[in-house]
Amino acid sequence: MSKEEIKPELVSICTTFFNAGEHLHRLIRSSLNQTYKDIEVILVDDVSNDNSGEICLDFAKKDSRIKYFQNTTRIGVTDSLLRSFSLAEGKFIVFVGSDDWLAGHFIENGVKIYSKQPEIAGVVPRVITLEESNNKIGEFSYIHNISFPSNIYKSEWLLHKIYKGSIPVATVAALMRKDDAMRFFDYFYKNYINNSLIPEELRSFCIMKGLLIDNISFIEILTRYKKFSFDNSLVYIKIKHSENIAYPTLLPNSMSKIFKSCYYTLLTYQIPYKIHWPNIYRKMKIFMATEAIATTFIYSIKSRLRLYYFDIKESKKWLVLLLNDFSFFEIVIALLFIIPRIIYRFFSYIVRMISRKIWPDKKIPPEIFIHENFLNSEGRFTI
């Protein structure tokens, strides 16, 4: 067989959902309209009771690349996502939220990058985040556009960015090998779902809402590779709305919840970082501690120093857990960085407040209104 006759690799686009009837058509249509045609779309329905199933079956009748599966009972996001990956037959795989979609050249450009750089862990996309109106489905306002120069990066670069929150957790939306994704699930169940050292509350949210998969999946894959690709030619359109807030109970409305959130975050990253990147793990601990105090200070001011915010007994409990793995030296270093961090956070907050007053409307930048992103000139999804 000549080089020209080699069959392109199959790519699997996977999603799982519950009652996604209002949004699901965008994911399916954007998938079917990829410029790369050797795809399959794996749809796992976690027992929806709206019209989600009808929508999937209707698309499946028209295009055999649509493969619809319904769970017999509700099993949550994590088990459903594992099922979608297990059912996938592609060499490469990408997970897309049921209310999100991929720009038209996403798969084609990703496969090209893999063909040129077969040693990379995966291809991380540019992420454009829009917020969908609660009252008008399909009406979006612009949130942000996170991108970096397209290049091959060392794994350590991303590892620093992730725990500092300066790169989207949608690294789970990277185009990756199916074999790597399946190995990740083995790791995730062993170290998080079935690990008695992980708090029950956190494990429960992992199972039902897929919490931590965004944060951990690509990190675990990076343990086996030295580098990955970040490429702006792959565009992931992420939709934010009230229904997809994963963990509202950790909103920073009290000191204890801030410490709890930081503890859960540190606990999440501790497992892979401590073993594979101990030097980065030490820096992360100090960052988390100073970030917790800085956030507490800022939100205490925002609460106008109301007593309910300072739940001392509960706060002490979570602060002790947060600092449990710190050495004496690391605690001292963290204390030294608290004041600079508070100053940095305070001025960042002031700058954001001023910006919102000067530019109150977040309009979608003109370069995002392109057919490639399936957005028309009014910012609406269209094909």
Protein backbone atom coordinates (compact mmCIF):
# COMPACT_ATOMS: atom_id res chain seq x y z
CA MET A 1 0.00 0.00 0.00
CA SER A 2 1.46 3.35 -1.00
CA LYS A 3 1.80 6.27 1.38
CA GLU A 4 -1.09 8.06 -0.33
CA GLU A 5 -3.38 5.06 0.27
CA ILE A 6 -2.77 4.78 4.02
CA LYS A 7 -6.10 5.11 5.80
CA PRO A 8 -6.24 8.05 8.22
CA GLU A 9 -6.46 7.24 11.92
CA LEU A 10 -9.93 7.12 13.44
CA VAL A 11 -10.55 9.83 16.07
CA SER A 12 -13.24 9.44 18.74
CA ILE A 13 -15.13 12.48 20.05
CA CYS A 14 -16.67 11.49 23.38
CA THR A 15 -19.24 13.08 25.64
CA THR A 16 -21.52 12.10 28.48
CA PHE A 17 -24.57 13.98 29.63
CA PHE A 18 -27.76 14.16 31.66
CA ASN A 19 -30.66 16.24 30.31
CA ALA A 20 -28.61 18.11 27.70
CA GLY A 21 -31.37 18.50 25.13
CA GLU A 22 -31.04 22.28 24.91
CA HIS A 23 -27.33 22.20 24.10
CA LEU A 24 -26.44 18.80 22.64
CA HIS A 25 -27.15 19.64 19.00
CA ARG A 26 -24.22 22.09 18.94
CA LEU A 27 -21.70 19.45 19.96
CA ILE A 28 -23.06 16.92 17.47
CA ARG A 29 -23.26 19.33 14.53
CA SER A 30 -19.79 20.75 15.15
CA SER A 31 -18.42 17.19 15.32
CA LEU A 32 -20.07 16.09 12.08
CA ASN A 33 -18.80 19.23 10.36
CA GLN A 34 -15.16 18.65 11.23
CA THR A 35 -12.90 18.99 8.20
CA TYR A 36 -11.36 15.65 9.28
CA LYS A 37 -14.01 13.06 8.40
CA ASP A 38 -12.59 9.86 9.94
CA ILE A 39 -14.34 10.36 13.26
CA GLU A 40 -16.91 8.73 15.47
CA VAL A 41 -19.03 10.55 18.05
CA ILE A 42 -19.64 8.53 21.22
CA LEU A 43 -22.66 9.79 23.17
CA VAL A 44 -23.31 8.26 26.60
CA ASP A 45 -26.63 9.27 28.14
CA ASP A 46 -26.76 9.00 31.94
CA VAL A 47 -30.53 8.27 31.92
CA SER A 48 -31.81 11.67 30.79
CA ASN A 49 -35.52 12.34 31.15
CA ASP A 50 -35.71 15.14 28.58
CA ASN A 51 -35.43 14.89 24.79
CA SER A 52 -31.67 14.21 24.74
CA GLY A 53 -32.12 10.61 23.58
CA GLU A 54 -34.46 11.59 20.76
CA ILE A 55 -31.96 14.16 19.51
CA CYS A 56 -29.12 11.61 19.51
CA LEU A 57 -31.18 8.91 17.78
CA ASP A 58 -32.34 11.37 15.14
CA PHE A 59 -28.74 12.32 14.31
CA ALA A 60 -27.68 8.64 14.40
CA LYS A 61 -30.26 7.76 11.74
CA LYS A 62 -28.72 10.32 9.40
CA ASP A 63 -25.03 9.66 10.08
CA SER A 64 -23.51 6.33 11.11
CA ARG A 65 -20.63 8.09 12.82
CA ILE A 66 -23.00 8.97 15.67
CA LYS A 67 -23.06 6.18 18.26
CA TYR A 68 -25.59 6.59 21.07
CA PHE A 69 -25.59 4.60 24.32
CA GLN A 70 -27.88 4.97 27.32
CA ASN A 71 -26.98 3.80 30.82
CA THR A 72 -29.54 1.55 32.52
CA THR A 73 -29.20 3.51 35.78
CA ARG A 74 -27.59 6.82 36.72
CA ILE A 75 -23.92 6.22 37.39
CA GLY A 76 -22.50 9.75 37.34
CA VAL A 77 -20.06 11.59 35.12
CA THR A 78 -16.92 9.60 35.91
CA ASP A 79 -18.32 6.13 35.21
CA SER A 80 -20.17 7.44 32.16
CA LEU A 81 -17.03 9.06 30.81
CA LEU A 82 -15.08 5.86 31.34
CA ARG A 83 -17.79 4.00 29.45
CA SER A 84 -17.61 6.44 26.54
CA PHE A 85 -13.82 6.00 26.31
CA SER A 86 -14.15 2.21 26.57
CA LEU A 87 -16.64 2.18 23.70
CA ALA A 88 -14.43 4.40 21.52
CA GLU A 89 -12.54 2.68 18.71
CA GLY A 90 -10.29 5.56 17.65
CA LYS A 91 -6.54 5.71 18.15
CA PHE A 92 -6.98 9.30 19.31
CA ILE A 93 -9.68 10.61 21.58
CA VAL A 94 -11.05 13.93 22.82
CA PHE A 95 -13.64 14.61 25.50
CA VAL A 96 -16.07 17.46 24.91
CA GLY A 97 -18.64 18.73 27.40
CA SER A 98 -22.17 18.25 26.12
CA ASP A 99 -22.75 22.02 26.09
CA ASP A 100 -19.39 22.83 24.44
CA TRP A 101 -18.13 22.31 20.89
CA LEU A 102 -15.01 22.07 18.72
CA ALA A 103 -14.01 24.50 15.97
CA GLY A 104 -14.06 23.06 12.45
CA HIS A 105 -10.35 22.22 12.03
CA PHE A 106 -9.80 20.94 15.58
CA ILE A 107 -9.38 17.25 14.73
CA GLU A 108 -7.57 17.75 11.43
CA ASN A 109 -4.98 20.09 12.92
CA GLY A 110 -4.51 17.88 15.97
CA VAL A 111 -3.83 14.76 13.89
CA LYS A 112 -1.33 16.69 11.75
CA ILE A 113 0.58 17.77 14.85
CA TYR A 114 0.70 14.18 16.12
CA SER A 115 2.03 12.98 12.75
CA LYS A 116 4.90 15.48 12.98
CA GLN A 117 5.54 15.06 16.72
CA PRO A 118 4.65 11.43 17.63
CA GLU A 119 6.53 11.63 20.94
CA ILE A 120 4.23 14.27 22.55
CA ALA A 121 1.74 13.56 25.35
CA GLY A 122 -1.10 15.31 23.54
CA VAL A 123 -2.27 18.54 21.91
CA VAL A 124 -3.79 21.14 24.26
CA PRO A 125 -6.22 23.53 22.51
CA ARG A 126 -6.89 27.22 22.75
CA VAL A 127 -10.01 27.72 24.89
CA ILE A 128 -12.60 30.40 24.17
CA THR A 129 -15.09 30.67 27.04
CA LEU A 130 -18.56 32.11 26.46
CA GLU A 131 -21.39 32.47 28.94
CA GLU A 132 -24.84 31.42 27.85
CA SER A 133 -27.78 33.48 29.01
CA ASN A 134 -30.10 31.70 31.44
CA ASN A 135 -33.09 33.30 29.73
CA LYS A 136 -32.10 33.03 26.07
CA ILE A 137 -30.60 29.75 24.90
CA GLY A 138 -27.97 30.34 22.24
CA GLU A 139 -27.26 33.91 23.30
CA PHE A 140 -23.66 34.27 24.47
CA SER A 141 -21.52 36.88 26.18
CA TYR A 142 -17.74 36.77 26.03
CA ILE A 143 -15.79 35.64 29.12
CA HIS A 144 -12.19 35.10 28.02
CA ASN A 145 -9.86 33.62 25.46
CA ILE A 146 -6.94 31.66 26.90
CA SER A 147 -4.12 30.89 24.54
CA PHE A 148 -0.35 30.59 24.44
CA PRO A 149 2.11 30.68 21.53
CA SER A 150 1.76 27.50 19.48
CA ASN A 151 4.78 25.39 20.29
CA ILE A 152 6.11 22.18 21.81
CA TYR A 153 6.52 22.68 25.56
CA LYS A 154 8.27 20.73 28.29
CA SER A 155 5.91 19.05 30.73
CA GLU A 156 7.21 21.14 33.66
CA TRP A 157 5.96 24.35 32.02
CA LEU A 158 2.37 23.15 32.16
CA LEU A 159 2.71 21.67 35.66
CA HIS A 160 3.51 25.11 37.09
CA LYS A 161 0.68 26.77 35.17
CA ILE A 162 -2.00 24.29 36.23
CA TYR A 163 -1.74 24.57 40.00
CA LYS A 164 -1.54 28.37 39.76
CA GLY A 165 -4.77 28.41 37.79
CA SER A 166 -3.19 30.29 34.87
CA ILE A 167 -4.17 27.72 32.26
CA PRO A 168 -7.66 26.31 31.68
CA VAL A 169 -8.54 23.05 33.36
CA ALA A 170 -9.88 22.10 29.93
CA THR A 171 -6.55 20.35 29.38
CA VAL A 172 -8.92 17.38 29.69
CA ALA A 173 -10.08 18.52 26.22
CA ALA A 174 -6.64 17.85 24.78
CA LEU A 175 -6.45 15.51 21.84
CA MET A 176 -4.77 12.43 23.32
CA ARG A 177 -4.18 8.77 22.63
CA LYS A 178 -6.96 6.44 23.72
CA ASP A 179 -4.45 4.10 25.40
CA ASP A 180 -3.21 6.98 27.56
CA ALA A 181 -6.75 7.99 28.47
CA MET A 182 -7.63 4.46 29.58
CA ARG A 183 -4.47 4.22 31.69
CA PHE A 184 -5.48 7.48 33.33
CA PHE A 185 -8.82 6.00 34.40
CA ASP A 186 -7.08 3.05 36.04
CA TYR A 187 -4.93 5.57 37.92
CA PHE A 188 -7.90 7.80 38.82
CA TYR A 189 -10.01 5.00 40.29
CA LYS A 190 -7.10 3.62 42.28
CA ASN A 191 -5.83 6.92 43.68
CA TYR A 192 -9.04 8.94 44.03
CA ILE A 193 -12.32 7.02 43.74
CA ASN A 194 -11.17 3.95 45.71
CA ASN A 195 -8.69 5.71 47.99
CA SER A 196 -9.98 5.86 51.59
CA LEU A 197 -7.56 8.72 52.32
CA ILE A 198 -9.58 10.97 49.99
CA PRO A 199 -12.52 12.57 51.90
CA GLU A 200 -15.87 10.93 51.15
CA GLU A 201 -17.36 14.27 50.07
CA LEU A 202 -14.64 14.71 47.46
CA ARG A 203 -14.97 11.13 46.21
CA SER A 204 -18.73 11.57 45.86
CA PHE A 205 -18.30 14.65 43.69
CA CYS A 206 -15.67 12.82 41.66
CA ILE A 207 -18.16 10.05 40.86
CA MET A 208 -21.30 12.06 40.14
CA LYS A 209 -19.91 15.30 38.70
CA GLY A 210 -16.52 14.18 37.41
CA LEU A 211 -14.72 16.57 39.73
CA LEU A 212 -10.89 16.41 39.47
CA ILE A 213 -10.87 14.69 36.06
CA ASP A 214 -10.25 18.07 34.40
CA ASN A 215 -7.39 18.77 36.78
CA ILE A 216 -5.70 15.38 36.88
CA SER A 217 -6.16 13.61 33.54
CA PHE A 218 -3.50 15.38 31.50
CA ILE A 219 -1.16 15.65 34.49
CA GLU A 220 -1.17 11.88 34.88
CA ILE A 221 -0.49 11.43 31.17
CA LEU A 222 2.46 13.83 31.45
CA THR A 223 4.12 11.43 33.91
CA ARG A 224 4.96 9.28 30.88
CA TYR A 225 6.07 12.02 28.45
CA LYS A 226 8.63 14.81 28.49
CA LYS A 227 6.69 17.26 26.35
CA PHE A 228 3.34 18.18 24.83
CA SER A 229 1.95 20.55 22.20
CA PHE A 230 -0.05 23.69 22.79
CA ASP A 231 -1.57 24.86 19.54
CA ASN A 232 -3.93 27.77 18.83
CA SER A 233 -5.17 26.16 15.62
CA LEU A 234 -7.20 23.79 17.79
CA VAL A 235 -10.05 25.81 19.28
CA TYR A 236 -12.35 24.52 22.01
CA ILE A 237 -15.49 26.59 22.63
CA LYS A 238 -16.36 26.25 26.31
CA ILE A 239 -19.81 27.33 27.46
CA LYS A 240 -20.39 28.51 31.01
CA HIS A 241 -23.86 28.65 32.52
CA SER A 242 -25.53 28.14 35.89
CA GLU A 243 -26.04 24.40 35.39
CA ASN A 244 -22.38 23.46 34.90
CA ILE A 245 -20.86 24.86 38.09
CA ALA A 246 -19.25 21.70 39.39
CA TYR A 247 -18.82 22.41 43.07
CA PRO A 248 -20.86 25.40 44.37
CA THR A 249 -20.46 24.37 48.05
CA LEU A 250 -16.87 25.63 47.98
CA LEU A 251 -17.70 29.20 46.99
CA PRO A 252 -15.57 31.59 49.12
CA ASN A 253 -18.33 32.86 51.43
CA SER A 254 -16.54 31.87 54.64
CA MET A 255 -12.98 31.45 55.85
CA SER A 256 -13.39 27.72 56.41
CA LYS A 257 -14.60 27.13 52.82
CA ILE A 258 -11.55 28.91 51.44
CA PHE A 259 -9.22 26.74 53.51
CA LYS A 260 -11.25 23.67 52.59
CA SER A 261 -11.08 24.47 48.88
CA CYS A 262 -7.32 25.01 49.02
CA TYR A 263 -6.87 21.79 50.99
CA TYR A 264 -8.90 19.82 48.44
CA THR A 265 -6.88 21.37 45.60
CA LEU A 266 -3.58 20.53 47.27
CA LEU A 267 -4.79 17.01 48.03
CA THR A 268 -5.79 16.61 44.38
CA TYR A 269 -2.38 17.53 43.02
CA GLN A 270 -0.36 15.96 45.83
CA ILE A 271 -0.63 12.40 44.54
CA PRO A 272 1.06 12.84 41.13
CA TYR A 273 3.27 15.83 41.99
CA LYS A 274 4.79 14.42 45.19
CA ILE A 275 5.95 11.27 43.42
CA HIS A 276 6.99 12.56 40.01
CA TRP A 277 7.85 16.25 40.56
CA PRO A 278 8.79 16.77 44.25
CA ASN A 279 10.51 20.12 43.60
CA ILE A 280 7.41 21.52 41.93
CA TYR A 281 5.28 20.04 44.72
CA ARG A 282 7.19 22.06 47.35
CA LYS A 283 6.61 25.27 45.40
CA MET A 284 2.94 24.36 45.00
CA LYS A 285 2.47 23.89 48.75
CA ILE A 286 3.87 27.33 49.50
CA PHE A 287 1.73 28.87 46.76
CA MET A 288 -1.44 27.20 48.07
CA ALA A 289 -0.84 28.35 51.64
CA THR A 290 -0.19 31.96 50.67
CA GLU A 291 -3.10 31.90 48.23
CA ALA A 292 -5.43 30.65 50.97
CA ILE A 293 -4.48 33.47 53.34
CA ALA A 294 -4.62 36.12 50.60
CA THR A 295 -8.06 34.94 49.47
CA THR A 296 -9.28 34.90 53.09
CA PHE A 297 -8.10 38.46 53.59
CA ILE A 298 -9.73 39.79 50.41
CA TYR A 299 -13.08 38.10 50.99
CA SER A 300 -13.15 39.11 54.65
CA ILE A 301 -12.97 42.72 53.45
CA LYS A 302 -15.70 42.04 50.88
CA SER A 303 -17.89 40.56 53.65
CA ARG A 304 -17.35 43.78 55.63
CA LEU A 305 -15.81 41.78 58.45
CA ARG A 306 -19.11 40.14 59.37
CA LEU A 307 -18.81 37.56 62.14
CA TYR A 308 -20.39 34.73 60.13
CA TYR A 309 -17.38 34.83 57.81
CA PHE A 310 -14.92 34.01 60.61
CA ASP A 311 -16.05 30.52 61.60
CA ILE A 312 -12.93 29.97 63.71
CA LYS A 313 -13.40 26.36 64.83
CA GLU A 314 -14.16 25.03 61.36
CA SER A 315 -11.48 27.22 59.78
CA LYS A 316 -8.83 25.91 62.17
CA LYS A 317 -9.76 22.33 61.23
CA TRP A 318 -9.23 22.92 57.50
CA LEU A 319 -6.11 25.05 57.97
CA VAL A 320 -4.48 22.26 60.00
CA LEU A 321 -5.30 19.78 57.22
CA LEU A 322 -3.95 22.18 54.60
CA LEU A 323 -0.61 22.50 56.41
CA ASN A 324 -0.39 18.85 57.41
CA ASP A 325 2.25 17.91 54.81
CA PHE A 326 4.35 21.06 55.33
CA SER A 327 7.80 21.03 56.91
CA PHE A 328 8.67 23.75 59.43
CA PHE A 329 10.85 25.43 56.81
CA GLU A 330 8.02 25.43 54.25
CA ILE A 331 5.65 27.04 56.76
CA VAL A 332 8.20 29.77 57.46
CA ILE A 333 8.67 30.44 53.73
CA ALA A 334 4.90 30.54 53.23
CA LEU A 335 4.54 33.08 56.06
CA LEU A 336 7.18 35.31 54.45
CA PHE A 337 5.26 35.31 51.15
CA ILE A 338 1.83 36.07 52.63
CA ILE A 339 2.15 39.88 52.65
CA PRO A 340 3.47 40.14 49.05
CA ARG A 341 0.70 37.78 47.93
CA ILE A 342 -2.00 39.84 49.66
CA ILE A 343 -0.65 43.02 48.05
CA TYR A 344 -0.59 41.34 44.63
CA ARG A 345 -4.12 39.97 45.02
CA PHE A 346 -5.45 43.29 46.33
CA PHE A 347 -4.10 45.32 43.43
CA SER A 348 -5.24 42.68 40.92
CA TYR A 349 -8.73 42.97 42.40
CA ILE A 350 -8.66 46.78 42.15
CA VAL A 351 -7.53 46.61 38.51
CA ARG A 352 -10.39 44.21 37.67
CA MET A 353 -12.94 46.46 39.37
CA ILE A 354 -11.69 49.51 37.48
CA SER A 355 -11.69 47.59 34.20
CA ARG A 356 -15.32 46.53 34.70
CA LYS A 357 -16.36 50.15 35.22
CA ILE A 358 -14.46 51.38 32.18
CA TRP A 359 -15.48 48.43 29.97
CA PRO A 360 -18.73 47.10 31.49
CA ASP A 361 -19.76 45.02 28.47
CA LYS A 362 -17.75 41.92 27.61
CA LYS A 363 -18.27 41.76 23.88
CA ILE A 364 -16.92 38.87 21.88
CA PRO A 365 -13.76 39.98 20.03
CA PRO A 366 -14.35 40.26 16.26
CA GLU A 367 -11.80 37.56 15.40
CA ILE A 368 -13.96 35.02 17.21
CA PHE A 369 -16.91 35.67 14.87
CA ILE A 370 -15.73 33.28 12.19
CA HIS A 371 -17.29 30.30 10.46
CA GLU A 372 -14.40 28.13 11.63
CA ASN A 373 -15.66 28.56 15.22
CA PHE A 374 -19.29 28.01 14.15
CA LEU A 375 -20.21 31.51 15.38
CA ASN A 376 -21.92 34.07 13.19
CA SER A 377 -21.51 37.85 13.34
CA GLU A 378 -24.04 38.05 16.18
CA GLY A 379 -22.17 35.55 18.30
CA ARG A 380 -24.70 32.75 17.79
CA PHE A 381 -23.91 29.13 17.00
CA THR A 382 -24.47 28.36 13.34
CA ILE A 383 -23.52 25.80 10.73
